[in-house]
Amino acid sequence: MVVVTLQREKCIGCNYCVEMAPEQFAMSKKDGKSVLLHSQNKKGFHTIKSHDEGIFEPCEQASKACPVKIISVKRT
C-alpha cells in the first residue's frame, strides 16, 4: 500500500507537485494551494492510502521537488 500525506497549510503554491503527479495533485482556485485529490483531512494532514503502486513514483518525485518539504510518500 502507498500512503501519501500533504501538509496543506504550509503550501506555497509552487505547482511542482501537480507537474510531477497530476493524477494525485491539483491547485486550488480558491487559495492557490495544492490539493491532494481524494484525501482525508486529519488535523491539517491530508492523506490518501492506495493499493495502486503506480502512484508511488510520481508522488515520490513530487515529494522531492517540493521546496517546503510538505509531502511524504511511503510504502506500508
Protein backbone atom coordinates (compact mmCIF):
# COMPACT_ATOMS: atom_id res chain seq x y z
CA MET A 1 0.00 0.00 0.00
CA VAL A 2 1.16 3.54 -0.79
CA VAL A 3 0.49 6.31 1.74
CA VAL A 4 0.78 9.94 0.59
CA THR A 5 0.45 12.85 3.01
CA LEU A 6 0.28 16.59 2.30
CA GLN A 7 0.62 19.25 5.00
CA ARG A 8 -1.53 21.70 3.04
CA GLU A 9 -1.39 24.74 5.35
CA LYS A 10 2.36 25.13 4.67
CA CYS A 11 1.95 25.01 0.87
CA ILE A 12 3.44 27.99 -1.00
CA GLY A 13 1.63 27.23 -4.29
CA CYS A 14 4.69 26.49 -6.45
CA ASN A 15 2.78 23.86 -8.53
CA TYR A 16 5.68 21.35 -8.70
CA CYS A 17 3.56 18.56 -7.21
CA VAL A 18 0.94 19.00 -9.93
CA GLU A 19 3.63 18.89 -12.63
CA MET A 20 5.13 15.68 -11.20
CA ALA A 21 1.90 13.85 -10.24
CA PRO A 22 -1.14 15.42 -11.95
CA GLU A 23 -3.36 12.42 -11.13
CA GLN A 24 -2.86 12.94 -7.39
CA PHE A 25 -2.45 16.72 -7.03
CA ALA A 26 -4.28 19.83 -8.22
CA MET A 27 -4.07 23.53 -7.40
CA SER A 28 -7.00 25.13 -5.61
CA LYS A 29 -8.57 28.04 -7.46
CA LYS A 30 -9.79 29.33 -4.10
CA ASP A 31 -6.46 29.85 -2.30
CA GLY A 32 -3.74 28.81 -4.79
CA LYS A 33 -2.50 25.92 -2.64
CA SER A 34 -2.03 22.29 -3.54
CA VAL A 35 -4.84 19.78 -3.06
CA LEU A 36 -4.20 16.05 -2.62
CA LEU A 37 -7.09 14.58 -4.57
CA HIS A 38 -9.46 12.12 -2.80
CA SER A 39 -7.66 12.63 0.52
CA GLN A 40 -8.88 12.56 4.09
CA ASN A 41 -8.04 15.61 6.25
CA LYS A 42 -6.97 14.90 9.79
CA LYS A 43 -5.63 17.87 11.79
CA GLY A 44 -4.17 19.57 8.71
CA PHE A 45 -2.63 16.43 7.24
CA HIS A 46 -4.32 15.35 4.01
CA THR A 47 -3.73 11.64 3.38
CA ILE A 48 -4.54 9.03 0.78
CA LYS A 49 -3.92 5.30 1.09
CA SER A 50 -3.84 3.42 -2.19
CA HIS A 51 -3.16 -0.13 -3.33
CA ASP A 52 -2.08 1.32 -6.71
CA GLU A 53 1.73 1.01 -6.70
CA GLY A 54 1.77 3.12 -9.88
CA ILE A 55 1.28 6.31 -7.86
CA PHE A 56 4.42 5.79 -5.77
CA GLU A 57 6.99 7.04 -8.29
CA PRO A 58 5.18 10.25 -9.39
CA CYS A 59 4.31 11.11 -5.79
CA GLU A 60 7.91 10.45 -4.72
CA GLN A 61 9.08 12.85 -7.45
CA ALA A 62 6.57 15.44 -6.23
CA SER A 63 7.87 15.00 -2.68
CA LYS A 64 11.47 15.56 -3.79
CA ALA A 65 10.52 18.59 -5.92
CA CYS A 66 8.56 20.32 -3.13
CA PRO A 67 10.65 23.29 -1.90
CA VAL A 68 8.95 23.35 1.52
CA LYS A 69 9.04 19.54 2.02
CA ILE A 70 5.40 19.09 2.99
CA ILE A 71 4.73 15.89 1.02
CA SER A 72 5.59 12.47 2.37
CA VAL A 73 5.32 9.20 0.49
CA LYS A 74 5.83 5.72 1.92
CA ARG A 75 5.03 2.09 1.30
CA THR A 76 3.43 0.04 4.05
